[in-house]
Amino acid sequence: MWVVKLGGSLNNDPRLPDWLELLVQLGGGRVAVVCGGGSFADEVRRSQAHWRFDDLPAHNMAVLAMAQTTYLAQALNPRLHLTTSKDGIRKVLHGGHTALWLPLELMRAQADTDTNWDVASDSIALDLARKLNAERLVVVKSCTIDPMASLVELVQAGILDRRFATLGSGTPFPIDIVHRDDLPRMRSLLLADGRPTGD
């Protein structure tokens, strides 16, 4: 099972429907999609900077930003199967479909170590991949990616959120950071996996 995180920067990108279609066509039974918050999350950051409220409401608002992008993805490709839990993801994949995770389980009534901007949607996708015992995590970005850069270097460059390298240290699965134009590469990765595609 793979987790594929689509950066929120793709929200207004003409390539987004192509990414979703690829993940539906070749991801049935093995891919869970996580969506970043994009411009919805940017608005949360602006509101917090303006009003100076705590990280707990900002965290919950950012989760809802991810949810808005998730609903956008499902609207663009209704063959993605929306689910709100890890057990739900497993059921969708068992049914041979591509799962689209709605992360409402991340809403919090009290702050914890993850209710801050150090842990954004990249790290959330990584944490989900760990909890699902995924075989691979793919993070799709709109910015240029140096294929030789380490996770630490990508964090330092602001491409990945600040907690990602720490969480990604020692993962038992490969982590691929790919550019939005790398659809052929993603297709090759999925085809090389050699499993039934479903759907």
N, C-alpha and C. Protein backbone atom coordinates (compact mmCIF):
# COMPACT_ATOMS: atom_id res chain seq x y z
N MET A 1 0.84 -1.20 0.00
CA MET A 1 0.00 0.00 0.00
C MET A 1 0.88 1.25 0.00
N TRP A 2 0.50 2.22 -0.83
CA TRP A 2 1.23 3.49 -0.93
C TRP A 2 0.38 4.63 -0.40
N VAL A 3 1.05 5.64 0.15
CA VAL A 3 0.41 6.92 0.43
C VAL A 3 0.97 7.93 -0.55
N VAL A 4 0.10 8.64 -1.24
CA VAL A 4 0.51 9.69 -2.18
C VAL A 4 -0.06 11.00 -1.68
N LYS A 5 0.84 11.93 -1.36
CA LYS A 5 0.42 13.24 -0.86
C LYS A 5 0.52 14.25 -2.00
N LEU A 6 -0.61 14.85 -2.35
CA LEU A 6 -0.65 15.87 -3.39
C LEU A 6 -0.57 17.24 -2.73
N GLY A 7 0.46 17.98 -3.04
CA GLY A 7 0.63 19.31 -2.46
C GLY A 7 -0.54 20.22 -2.77
N GLY A 8 -0.90 21.04 -1.78
CA GLY A 8 -2.00 21.97 -2.00
C GLY A 8 -1.73 22.98 -3.08
N SER A 9 -0.47 23.13 -3.46
CA SER A 9 -0.12 24.05 -4.55
C SER A 9 -0.68 23.58 -5.89
N LEU A 10 -1.14 22.33 -5.95
CA LEU A 10 -1.75 21.82 -7.19
C LEU A 10 -3.23 22.20 -7.30
N ASN A 11 -3.79 22.82 -6.28
CA ASN A 11 -5.23 23.09 -6.26
C ASN A 11 -5.73 23.82 -7.50
N ASN A 12 -4.93 24.75 -8.00
CA ASN A 12 -5.32 25.53 -9.19
C ASN A 12 -4.49 25.16 -10.41
N ASP A 13 -3.84 24.02 -10.34
CA ASP A 13 -2.94 23.61 -11.42
C ASP A 13 -3.69 22.74 -12.43
N PRO A 14 -3.52 23.01 -13.73
CA PRO A 14 -4.23 22.19 -14.73
C PRO A 14 -3.82 20.72 -14.72
N ARG A 15 -2.70 20.40 -14.06
CA ARG A 15 -2.26 19.00 -13.99
C ARG A 15 -3.01 18.19 -12.93
N LEU A 16 -3.71 18.86 -12.02
CA LEU A 16 -4.36 18.14 -10.92
C LEU A 16 -5.30 17.05 -11.42
N PRO A 17 -6.20 17.31 -12.36
CA PRO A 17 -7.07 16.22 -12.82
C PRO A 17 -6.29 15.04 -13.39
N ASP A 18 -5.15 15.31 -14.03
CA ASP A 18 -4.34 14.22 -14.59
C ASP A 18 -3.74 13.37 -13.47
N TRP A 19 -3.28 14.02 -12.40
CA TRP A 19 -2.76 13.26 -11.25
C TRP A 19 -3.85 12.40 -10.65
N LEU A 20 -5.01 12.97 -10.46
CA LEU A 20 -6.10 12.21 -9.85
C LEU A 20 -6.51 11.03 -10.74
N GLU A 21 -6.58 11.25 -12.03
CA GLU A 21 -6.95 10.18 -12.96
C GLU A 21 -5.91 9.06 -12.93
N LEU A 22 -4.63 9.42 -12.90
CA LEU A 22 -3.58 8.41 -12.84
C LEU A 22 -3.72 7.56 -11.57
N LEU A 23 -3.98 8.22 -10.45
CA LEU A 23 -4.08 7.49 -9.18
C LEU A 23 -5.33 6.62 -9.12
N VAL A 24 -6.37 7.02 -9.83
CA VAL A 24 -7.56 6.18 -9.92
C VAL A 24 -7.28 4.98 -10.83
N GLN A 25 -6.66 5.23 -11.97
CA GLN A 25 -6.42 4.17 -12.95
C GLN A 25 -5.44 3.12 -12.44
N LEU A 26 -4.35 3.55 -11.81
CA LEU A 26 -3.29 2.62 -11.43
C LEU A 26 -3.17 2.42 -9.93
N GLY A 27 -3.98 3.13 -9.16
CA GLY A 27 -3.86 3.04 -7.71
C GLY A 27 -4.92 2.22 -7.03
N GLY A 28 -5.85 1.67 -7.79
CA GLY A 28 -6.93 0.89 -7.19
C GLY A 28 -6.39 -0.26 -6.35
N GLY A 29 -6.81 -0.32 -5.10
CA GLY A 29 -6.39 -1.40 -4.21
C GLY A 29 -5.08 -1.18 -3.51
N ARG A 30 -4.40 -0.04 -3.80
CA ARG A 30 -3.09 0.13 -3.17
C ARG A 30 -2.66 1.55 -2.89
N VAL A 31 -3.43 2.56 -3.28
CA VAL A 31 -3.02 3.95 -3.06
C VAL A 31 -4.04 4.68 -2.19
N ALA A 32 -3.52 5.35 -1.15
CA ALA A 32 -4.31 6.27 -0.34
C ALA A 32 -3.80 7.68 -0.62
N VAL A 33 -4.69 8.59 -0.99
CA VAL A 33 -4.32 9.95 -1.37
C VAL A 33 -4.56 10.89 -0.19
N VAL A 34 -3.56 11.75 0.07
CA VAL A 34 -3.66 12.80 1.08
C VAL A 34 -3.49 14.14 0.37
N CYS A 35 -4.36 15.09 0.65
CA CYS A 35 -4.31 16.40 0.00
C CYS A 35 -3.81 17.46 0.97
N GLY A 36 -2.90 18.32 0.49
CA GLY A 36 -2.46 19.46 1.29
C GLY A 36 -3.51 20.55 1.30
N GLY A 37 -3.34 21.51 2.19
CA GLY A 37 -4.35 22.56 2.35
C GLY A 37 -4.29 23.68 1.34
N GLY A 38 -3.12 23.90 0.73
CA GLY A 38 -2.98 24.91 -0.32
C GLY A 38 -3.40 26.30 0.12
N SER A 39 -4.12 26.99 -0.76
CA SER A 39 -4.53 28.37 -0.48
C SER A 39 -5.49 28.45 0.71
N PHE A 40 -6.22 27.38 0.99
CA PHE A 40 -7.09 27.37 2.16
C PHE A 40 -6.25 27.46 3.45
N ALA A 41 -5.14 26.71 3.48
CA ALA A 41 -4.25 26.76 4.65
C ALA A 41 -3.52 28.10 4.71
N ASP A 42 -3.19 28.66 3.54
CA ASP A 42 -2.54 29.98 3.53
C ASP A 42 -3.43 31.03 4.19
N GLU A 43 -4.73 30.91 3.98
CA GLU A 43 -5.66 31.85 4.61
C GLU A 43 -5.68 31.68 6.12
N VAL A 44 -5.52 30.45 6.59
CA VAL A 44 -5.42 30.22 8.04
C VAL A 44 -4.18 30.92 8.59
N ARG A 45 -3.07 30.78 7.88
CA ARG A 45 -1.84 31.45 8.33
C ARG A 45 -2.02 32.96 8.38
N ARG A 46 -2.66 33.52 7.36
CA ARG A 46 -2.89 34.97 7.35
C ARG A 46 -3.80 35.40 8.50
N SER A 47 -4.83 34.62 8.76
CA SER A 47 -5.75 34.97 9.83
C SER A 47 -5.06 34.90 11.19
N GLN A 48 -4.24 33.87 11.39
CA GLN A 48 -3.54 33.75 12.67
C GLN A 48 -2.54 34.88 12.85
N ALA A 49 -1.84 35.26 11.77
CA ALA A 49 -0.88 36.37 11.86
C ALA A 49 -1.60 37.69 12.18
N HIS A 50 -2.80 37.85 11.64
CA HIS A 50 -3.55 39.08 11.86
C HIS A 50 -4.15 39.15 13.26
N TRP A 51 -4.78 38.04 13.70
CA TRP A 51 -5.53 38.05 14.96
C TRP A 51 -4.74 37.51 16.14
N ARG A 52 -3.59 36.87 15.87
CA ARG A 52 -2.71 36.38 16.93
C ARG A 52 -3.37 35.34 17.83
N PHE A 53 -4.20 34.46 17.27
CA PHE A 53 -4.79 33.42 18.10
C PHE A 53 -3.85 32.21 18.20
N ASP A 54 -4.16 31.32 19.13
CA ASP A 54 -3.28 30.20 19.46
C ASP A 54 -3.19 29.18 18.33
N ASP A 55 -2.22 28.26 18.50
CA ASP A 55 -2.01 27.23 17.49
C ASP A 55 -3.12 26.17 17.46
N LEU A 56 -3.83 25.96 18.58
CA LEU A 56 -4.87 24.93 18.58
C LEU A 56 -5.98 25.25 17.57
N PRO A 57 -6.60 26.44 17.63
CA PRO A 57 -7.61 26.71 16.59
C PRO A 57 -7.00 26.77 15.19
N ALA A 58 -5.76 27.25 15.09
CA ALA A 58 -5.10 27.29 13.78
C ALA A 58 -4.92 25.87 13.23
N HIS A 59 -4.55 24.95 14.12
CA HIS A 59 -4.40 23.55 13.71
C HIS A 59 -5.72 23.01 13.17
N ASN A 60 -6.80 23.21 13.93
CA ASN A 60 -8.10 22.70 13.49
C ASN A 60 -8.56 23.34 12.19
N MET A 61 -8.30 24.64 12.05
CA MET A 61 -8.63 25.31 10.80
C MET A 61 -7.81 24.76 9.64
N ALA A 62 -6.53 24.42 9.90
CA ALA A 62 -5.67 23.86 8.85
C ALA A 62 -6.13 22.46 8.45
N VAL A 63 -6.60 21.68 9.42
CA VAL A 63 -7.18 20.37 9.09
C VAL A 63 -8.40 20.55 8.19
N LEU A 64 -9.22 21.53 8.50
CA LEU A 64 -10.39 21.80 7.66
C LEU A 64 -9.96 22.30 6.28
N ALA A 65 -8.82 23.00 6.21
CA ALA A 65 -8.29 23.40 4.90
C ALA A 65 -7.93 22.18 4.07
N MET A 66 -7.28 21.19 4.70
CA MET A 66 -6.99 19.94 4.00
C MET A 66 -8.28 19.26 3.56
N ALA A 67 -9.30 19.33 4.42
CA ALA A 67 -10.59 18.71 4.08
C ALA A 67 -11.20 19.37 2.86
N GLN A 68 -11.10 20.70 2.76
CA GLN A 68 -11.65 21.39 1.60
C GLN A 68 -10.96 20.94 0.31
N THR A 69 -9.64 20.79 0.37
CA THR A 69 -8.92 20.32 -0.81
C THR A 69 -9.29 18.88 -1.13
N THR A 70 -9.52 18.08 -0.09
CA THR A 70 -9.94 16.69 -0.30
C THR A 70 -11.28 16.64 -1.02
N TYR A 71 -12.22 17.47 -0.58
CA TYR A 71 -13.52 17.52 -1.26
C TYR A 71 -13.38 18.01 -2.70
N LEU A 72 -12.45 18.93 -2.93
CA LEU A 72 -12.17 19.39 -4.29
C LEU A 72 -11.71 18.23 -5.17
N ALA A 73 -10.77 17.44 -4.64
CA ALA A 73 -10.25 16.31 -5.41
C ALA A 73 -11.36 15.32 -5.72
N GLN A 74 -12.23 15.06 -4.75
CA GLN A 74 -13.32 14.11 -4.98
C GLN A 74 -14.34 14.65 -5.98
N ALA A 75 -14.53 15.98 -5.97
CA ALA A 75 -15.43 16.59 -6.95
C ALA A 75 -14.86 16.47 -8.36
N LEU A 76 -13.54 16.58 -8.48
CA LEU A 76 -12.90 16.48 -9.79
C LEU A 76 -12.85 15.05 -10.30
N ASN A 77 -12.78 14.09 -9.37
CA ASN A 77 -12.76 12.69 -9.78
C ASN A 77 -13.55 11.86 -8.77
N PRO A 78 -14.86 11.71 -9.02
CA PRO A 78 -15.72 11.00 -8.08
C PRO A 78 -15.39 9.52 -7.90
N ARG A 79 -14.49 8.98 -8.74
CA ARG A 79 -14.10 7.58 -8.56
C ARG A 79 -13.13 7.40 -7.40
N LEU A 80 -12.62 8.51 -6.85
CA LEU A 80 -11.86 8.44 -5.61
C LEU A 80 -12.84 8.17 -4.47
N HIS A 81 -12.51 7.23 -3.60
CA HIS A 81 -13.42 6.83 -2.53
C HIS A 81 -13.04 7.53 -1.23
N LEU A 82 -13.90 8.44 -0.81
CA LEU A 82 -13.68 9.26 0.37
C LEU A 82 -13.81 8.41 1.64
N THR A 83 -12.86 8.59 2.57
CA THR A 83 -12.92 7.87 3.83
C THR A 83 -12.27 8.71 4.93
N THR A 84 -12.74 8.52 6.16
CA THR A 84 -12.31 9.40 7.25
C THR A 84 -11.43 8.73 8.29
N SER A 85 -11.03 7.49 8.06
CA SER A 85 -10.25 6.79 9.08
C SER A 85 -9.25 5.83 8.44
N LYS A 86 -8.31 5.37 9.25
CA LYS A 86 -7.34 4.40 8.76
C LYS A 86 -8.02 3.07 8.43
N ASP A 87 -8.97 2.66 9.27
CA ASP A 87 -9.72 1.44 8.96
C ASP A 87 -10.51 1.61 7.67
N GLY A 88 -11.04 2.81 7.46
CA GLY A 88 -11.77 3.09 6.23
C GLY A 88 -10.88 3.01 5.01
N ILE A 89 -9.65 3.49 5.14
CA ILE A 89 -8.69 3.40 4.03
C ILE A 89 -8.47 1.93 3.67
N ARG A 90 -8.26 1.10 4.68
CA ARG A 90 -8.01 -0.32 4.42
C ARG A 90 -9.21 -0.97 3.72
N LYS A 91 -10.42 -0.60 4.13
CA LYS A 91 -11.62 -1.17 3.51
C LYS A 91 -11.74 -0.75 2.05
N VAL A 92 -11.45 0.54 1.77
CA VAL A 92 -11.51 1.02 0.39
C VAL A 92 -10.49 0.27 -0.48
N LEU A 93 -9.28 0.13 0.04
CA LEU A 93 -8.24 -0.56 -0.73
C LEU A 93 -8.59 -2.03 -0.91
N HIS A 94 -9.12 -2.63 0.13
CA HIS A 94 -9.53 -4.04 0.03
C HIS A 94 -10.59 -4.23 -1.05
N GLY A 95 -11.40 -3.20 -1.25
CA GLY A 95 -12.42 -3.26 -2.29
C GLY A 95 -11.89 -2.97 -3.68
N GLY A 96 -10.58 -2.71 -3.79
CA GLY A 96 -9.97 -2.52 -5.10
C GLY A 96 -10.01 -1.10 -5.63
N HIS A 97 -10.28 -0.13 -4.75
CA HIS A 97 -10.40 1.26 -5.17
C HIS A 97 -9.25 2.11 -4.63
N THR A 98 -9.20 3.35 -5.08
CA THR A 98 -8.22 4.33 -4.58
C THR A 98 -8.88 5.12 -3.46
N ALA A 99 -8.20 5.18 -2.31
CA ALA A 99 -8.75 5.85 -1.14
C ALA A 99 -8.36 7.32 -1.14
N LEU A 100 -9.29 8.16 -0.71
CA LEU A 100 -9.05 9.60 -0.55
C LEU A 100 -9.36 9.93 0.91
N TRP A 101 -8.29 10.27 1.65
CA TRP A 101 -8.42 10.42 3.10
C TRP A 101 -8.90 11.81 3.49
N LEU A 102 -10.01 11.86 4.22
CA LEU A 102 -10.53 13.09 4.78
C LEU A 102 -10.07 13.14 6.25
N PRO A 103 -9.12 14.02 6.59
CA PRO A 103 -8.38 13.88 7.86
C PRO A 103 -9.07 14.50 9.08
N LEU A 104 -10.38 14.35 9.19
CA LEU A 104 -11.10 14.99 10.29
C LEU A 104 -10.74 14.39 11.65
N GLU A 105 -10.18 13.18 11.66
CA GLU A 105 -9.75 12.57 12.92
C GLU A 105 -8.59 13.35 13.57
N LEU A 106 -8.00 14.27 12.83
CA LEU A 106 -6.90 15.07 13.37
C LEU A 106 -7.38 16.30 14.13
N MET A 107 -8.67 16.56 14.13
CA MET A 107 -9.20 17.68 14.91
C MET A 107 -8.92 17.44 16.39
N ARG A 108 -8.58 18.49 17.12
CA ARG A 108 -8.18 18.36 18.51
C ARG A 108 -9.00 19.28 19.41
N ALA A 109 -9.33 18.79 20.61
CA ALA A 109 -9.97 19.63 21.64
C ALA A 109 -8.92 20.27 22.54
N GLN A 110 -7.74 19.63 22.61
CA GLN A 110 -6.63 20.16 23.39
C GLN A 110 -5.36 20.08 22.55
N ALA A 111 -4.46 21.00 22.79
CA ALA A 111 -3.21 21.02 22.03
C ALA A 111 -2.33 19.84 22.40
N ASP A 112 -1.58 19.34 21.42
CA ASP A 112 -0.54 18.35 21.68
C ASP A 112 0.71 18.77 20.91
N THR A 113 1.70 17.89 20.83
CA THR A 113 2.97 18.27 20.21
C THR A 113 2.86 18.50 18.71
N ASP A 114 1.74 18.08 18.11
CA ASP A 114 1.58 18.22 16.66
C ASP A 114 0.69 19.38 16.26
N THR A 115 0.17 20.12 17.22
CA THR A 115 -0.74 21.22 16.88
C THR A 115 0.04 22.52 16.71
N ASN A 116 0.89 22.52 15.68
CA ASN A 116 1.67 23.72 15.34
C ASN A 116 2.11 23.60 13.89
N TRP A 117 2.67 24.68 13.36
CA TRP A 117 3.01 24.72 11.93
C TRP A 117 4.26 23.93 11.58
N ASP A 118 4.97 23.40 12.59
CA ASP A 118 6.10 22.51 12.28
C ASP A 118 5.60 21.22 11.63
N VAL A 119 4.39 20.85 11.99
CA VAL A 119 3.78 19.63 11.45
C VAL A 119 2.66 20.05 10.51
N ALA A 120 2.98 20.10 9.23
CA ALA A 120 1.98 20.44 8.21
C ALA A 120 1.60 19.18 7.45
N SER A 121 0.96 19.34 6.31
CA SER A 121 0.37 18.19 5.63
C SER A 121 1.39 17.16 5.14
N ASP A 122 2.63 17.59 4.87
CA ASP A 122 3.66 16.61 4.48
C ASP A 122 3.91 15.62 5.61
N SER A 123 4.13 16.14 6.81
CA SER A 123 4.39 15.27 7.96
C SER A 123 3.15 14.47 8.34
N ILE A 124 1.98 15.06 8.14
CA ILE A 124 0.74 14.32 8.41
C ILE A 124 0.64 13.11 7.49
N ALA A 125 0.98 13.29 6.21
CA ALA A 125 0.96 12.17 5.27
C ALA A 125 2.00 11.12 5.65
N LEU A 126 3.17 11.57 6.09
CA LEU A 126 4.22 10.64 6.52
C LEU A 126 3.77 9.85 7.74
N ASP A 127 3.16 10.54 8.70
CA ASP A 127 2.66 9.85 9.89
C ASP A 127 1.59 8.82 9.52
N LEU A 128 0.71 9.18 8.60
CA LEU A 128 -0.31 8.24 8.14
C LEU A 128 0.34 7.02 7.50
N ALA A 129 1.36 7.25 6.67
CA ALA A 129 2.06 6.14 6.01
C ALA A 129 2.67 5.21 7.05
N ARG A 130 3.25 5.77 8.09
CA ARG A 130 3.82 4.94 9.16
C ARG A 130 2.74 4.11 9.84
N LYS A 131 1.64 4.75 10.19
CA LYS A 131 0.58 4.05 10.93
C LYS A 131 -0.10 2.97 10.08
N LEU A 132 -0.09 3.16 8.76
CA LEU A 132 -0.69 2.17 7.86
C LEU A 132 0.31 1.10 7.43
N ASN A 133 1.56 1.21 7.91
CA ASN A 133 2.62 0.29 7.45
C ASN A 133 2.74 0.31 5.93
N ALA A 134 2.76 1.51 5.39
CA ALA A 134 2.81 1.66 3.93
C ALA A 134 4.13 1.13 3.37
N GLU A 135 4.09 0.82 2.09
CA GLU A 135 5.28 0.35 1.39
C GLU A 135 6.04 1.49 0.72
N ARG A 136 5.37 2.65 0.56
CA ARG A 136 6.01 3.78 -0.10
C ARG A 136 5.22 5.05 0.19
N LEU A 137 5.94 6.18 0.30
CA LEU A 137 5.30 7.50 0.39
C LEU A 137 5.81 8.33 -0.78
N VAL A 138 4.88 8.92 -1.52
CA VAL A 138 5.23 9.83 -2.60
C VAL A 138 4.63 11.19 -2.27
N VAL A 139 5.47 12.23 -2.29
CA VAL A 139 5.02 13.60 -2.01
C VAL A 139 5.19 14.40 -3.29
N VAL A 140 4.09 14.94 -3.80
CA VAL A 140 4.11 15.68 -5.07
C VAL A 140 4.14 17.18 -4.78
N LYS A 141 5.13 17.85 -5.35
CA LYS A 141 5.35 19.28 -5.11
C LYS A 141 5.31 20.06 -6.43
N SER A 142 5.04 21.36 -6.31
CA SER A 142 5.06 22.23 -7.50
C SER A 142 6.41 22.88 -7.73
N CYS A 143 7.25 22.92 -6.70
CA CYS A 143 8.56 23.58 -6.84
C CYS A 143 9.59 22.61 -7.39
N THR A 144 10.69 23.16 -7.85
CA THR A 144 11.77 22.35 -8.39
C THR A 144 12.41 21.52 -7.27
N ILE A 145 12.65 20.24 -7.56
CA ILE A 145 13.21 19.31 -6.58
C ILE A 145 14.59 18.87 -7.04
N ASP A 146 15.59 19.07 -6.19
CA ASP A 146 16.92 18.54 -6.44
C ASP A 146 16.91 17.05 -6.10
N PRO A 147 17.07 16.17 -7.10
CA PRO A 147 16.97 14.73 -6.82
C PRO A 147 18.05 14.22 -5.89
N MET A 148 19.13 14.99 -5.72
CA MET A 148 20.22 14.57 -4.84
C MET A 148 20.08 15.11 -3.42
N ALA A 149 19.09 15.98 -3.19
CA ALA A 149 18.95 16.60 -1.88
C ALA A 149 18.41 15.61 -0.86
N SER A 150 18.92 15.70 0.36
CA SER A 150 18.43 14.87 1.46
C SER A 150 17.14 15.46 2.01
N LEU A 151 16.45 14.71 2.84
CA LEU A 151 15.25 15.23 3.47
C LEU A 151 15.56 16.46 4.32
N VAL A 152 16.70 16.40 5.02
CA VAL A 152 17.12 17.55 5.84
C VAL A 152 17.30 18.78 4.96
N GLU A 153 17.95 18.62 3.82
CA GLU A 153 18.18 19.75 2.91
C GLU A 153 16.86 20.27 2.34
N LEU A 154 15.92 19.39 2.06
CA LEU A 154 14.62 19.82 1.54
C LEU A 154 13.83 20.57 2.62
N VAL A 155 13.99 20.16 3.87
CA VAL A 155 13.37 20.90 4.98
C VAL A 155 14.00 22.28 5.10
N GLN A 156 15.33 22.32 5.05
CA GLN A 156 16.04 23.60 5.17
C GLN A 156 15.68 24.55 4.04
N ALA A 157 15.36 24.01 2.87
CA ALA A 157 14.98 24.83 1.72
C ALA A 157 13.51 25.25 1.78
N GLY A 158 12.78 24.77 2.78
CA GLY A 158 11.37 25.12 2.91
C GLY A 158 10.45 24.32 2.00
N ILE A 159 10.96 23.27 1.39
CA ILE A 159 10.15 22.45 0.48
C ILE A 159 9.29 21.47 1.27
N LEU A 160 9.83 20.97 2.38
CA LEU A 160 9.09 20.09 3.28
C LEU A 160 8.93 20.80 4.62
N ASP A 161 7.91 20.44 5.39
CA ASP A 161 7.71 21.11 6.67
C ASP A 161 8.80 20.72 7.68
N ARG A 162 8.88 21.47 8.75
CA ARG A 162 10.04 21.41 9.64
C ARG A 162 10.20 20.09 10.39
N ARG A 163 9.14 19.35 10.58
CA ARG A 163 9.24 18.08 11.32
C ARG A 163 9.51 16.88 10.42
N PHE A 164 9.42 17.08 9.10
CA PHE A 164 9.42 15.95 8.17
C PHE A 164 10.69 15.11 8.26
N ALA A 165 11.85 15.74 8.26
CA ALA A 165 13.10 14.98 8.25
C ALA A 165 13.23 14.14 9.50
N THR A 166 12.84 14.69 10.64
CA THR A 166 12.91 13.93 11.89
C THR A 166 11.97 12.73 11.84
N LEU A 167 10.73 12.96 11.41
CA LEU A 167 9.77 11.86 11.31
C LEU A 167 10.18 10.84 10.26
N GLY A 168 10.86 11.32 9.21
CA GLY A 168 11.23 10.43 8.11
C GLY A 168 12.49 9.63 8.35
N SER A 169 13.20 9.96 9.43
CA SER A 169 14.44 9.25 9.73
C SER A 169 14.15 7.79 10.09
N GLY A 170 14.79 6.88 9.36
CA GLY A 170 14.66 5.47 9.66
C GLY A 170 13.35 4.83 9.23
N THR A 171 12.62 5.47 8.32
CA THR A 171 11.38 4.85 7.85
C THR A 171 11.70 3.55 7.10
N PRO A 172 10.83 2.54 7.27
CA PRO A 172 11.09 1.25 6.61
C PRO A 172 10.64 1.23 5.15
N PHE A 173 10.21 2.39 4.62
CA PHE A 173 9.73 2.44 3.24
C PHE A 173 10.40 3.62 2.53
N PRO A 174 10.52 3.55 1.20
CA PRO A 174 11.10 4.68 0.47
C PRO A 174 10.19 5.89 0.47
N ILE A 175 10.80 7.08 0.45
CA ILE A 175 10.07 8.34 0.35
C ILE A 175 10.53 9.04 -0.92
N ASP A 176 9.60 9.28 -1.84
CA ASP A 176 9.91 9.96 -3.09
C ASP A 176 9.29 11.35 -3.07
N ILE A 177 10.10 12.38 -3.33
CA ILE A 177 9.61 13.74 -3.47
C ILE A 177 9.67 14.06 -4.96
N VAL A 178 8.52 14.25 -5.58
CA VAL A 178 8.47 14.40 -7.04
C VAL A 178 7.81 15.72 -7.42
N HIS A 179 8.14 16.17 -8.62
CA HIS A 179 7.59 17.41 -9.15
C HIS A 179 6.26 17.12 -9.84
N ARG A 180 5.40 18.13 -9.89
CA ARG A 180 4.06 17.96 -10.49
C ARG A 180 4.14 17.55 -11.96
N ASP A 181 5.26 17.83 -12.63
CA ASP A 181 5.41 17.44 -14.04
C ASP A 181 5.85 15.99 -14.20
N ASP A 182 6.12 15.31 -13.07
CA ASP A 182 6.67 13.96 -13.13
C ASP A 182 5.60 12.87 -13.22
N LEU A 183 4.52 13.15 -13.92
CA LEU A 183 3.48 12.13 -14.12
C LEU A 183 4.04 10.86 -14.78
N PRO A 184 4.89 10.98 -15.81
CA PRO A 184 5.45 9.75 -16.40
C PRO A 184 6.25 8.93 -15.40
N ARG A 185 7.01 9.61 -14.55
CA ARG A 185 7.77 8.90 -13.52
C ARG A 185 6.84 8.18 -12.55
N MET A 186 5.77 8.87 -12.14
CA MET A 186 4.83 8.25 -11.21
C MET A 186 4.15 7.06 -11.85
N ARG A 187 3.78 7.20 -13.12
CA ARG A 187 3.18 6.08 -13.83
C ARG A 187 4.13 4.88 -13.85
N SER A 188 5.40 5.16 -14.13
CA SER A 188 6.40 4.08 -14.17
C SER A 188 6.57 3.42 -12.81
N LEU A 189 6.56 4.22 -11.74
CA LEU A 189 6.68 3.65 -10.39
C LEU A 189 5.51 2.72 -10.10
N LEU A 190 4.30 3.17 -10.43
CA LEU A 190 3.13 2.35 -10.17
C LEU A 190 3.12 1.07 -11.01
N LEU A 191 3.48 1.20 -12.27
CA LEU A 191 3.52 0.03 -13.15
C LEU A 191 4.61 -0.94 -12.73
N ALA A 192 5.75 -0.41 -12.27
CA ALA A 192 6.86 -1.27 -11.86
C ALA A 192 6.55 -2.05 -10.60
N ASP A 193 5.56 -1.57 -9.84
CA ASP A 193 5.18 -2.26 -8.61
C ASP A 193 4.62 -3.64 -8.93
N GLY A 194 4.08 -3.79 -10.15
CA GLY A 194 3.71 -5.10 -10.64
C GLY A 194 2.50 -5.74 -10.00
N ARG A 195 1.59 -4.93 -9.43
CA ARG A 195 0.41 -5.50 -8.80
C ARG A 195 -0.82 -5.26 -9.65
N PRO A 196 -1.87 -6.01 -9.42
CA PRO A 196 -3.12 -5.73 -10.15
C PRO A 196 -3.57 -4.30 -9.88
N THR A 197 -4.02 -3.60 -10.90
CA THR A 197 -4.34 -2.19 -10.75
C THR A 197 -5.74 -1.95 -10.24
N GLY A 198 -6.65 -2.91 -10.35
CA GLY A 198 -8.02 -2.69 -9.89
C GLY A 198 -8.72 -1.64 -10.73
N ASP A 199 -9.97 -1.29 -10.29
CA ASP A 199 -10.78 -0.28 -10.98
C ASP A 199 -10.77 -0.52 -12.48
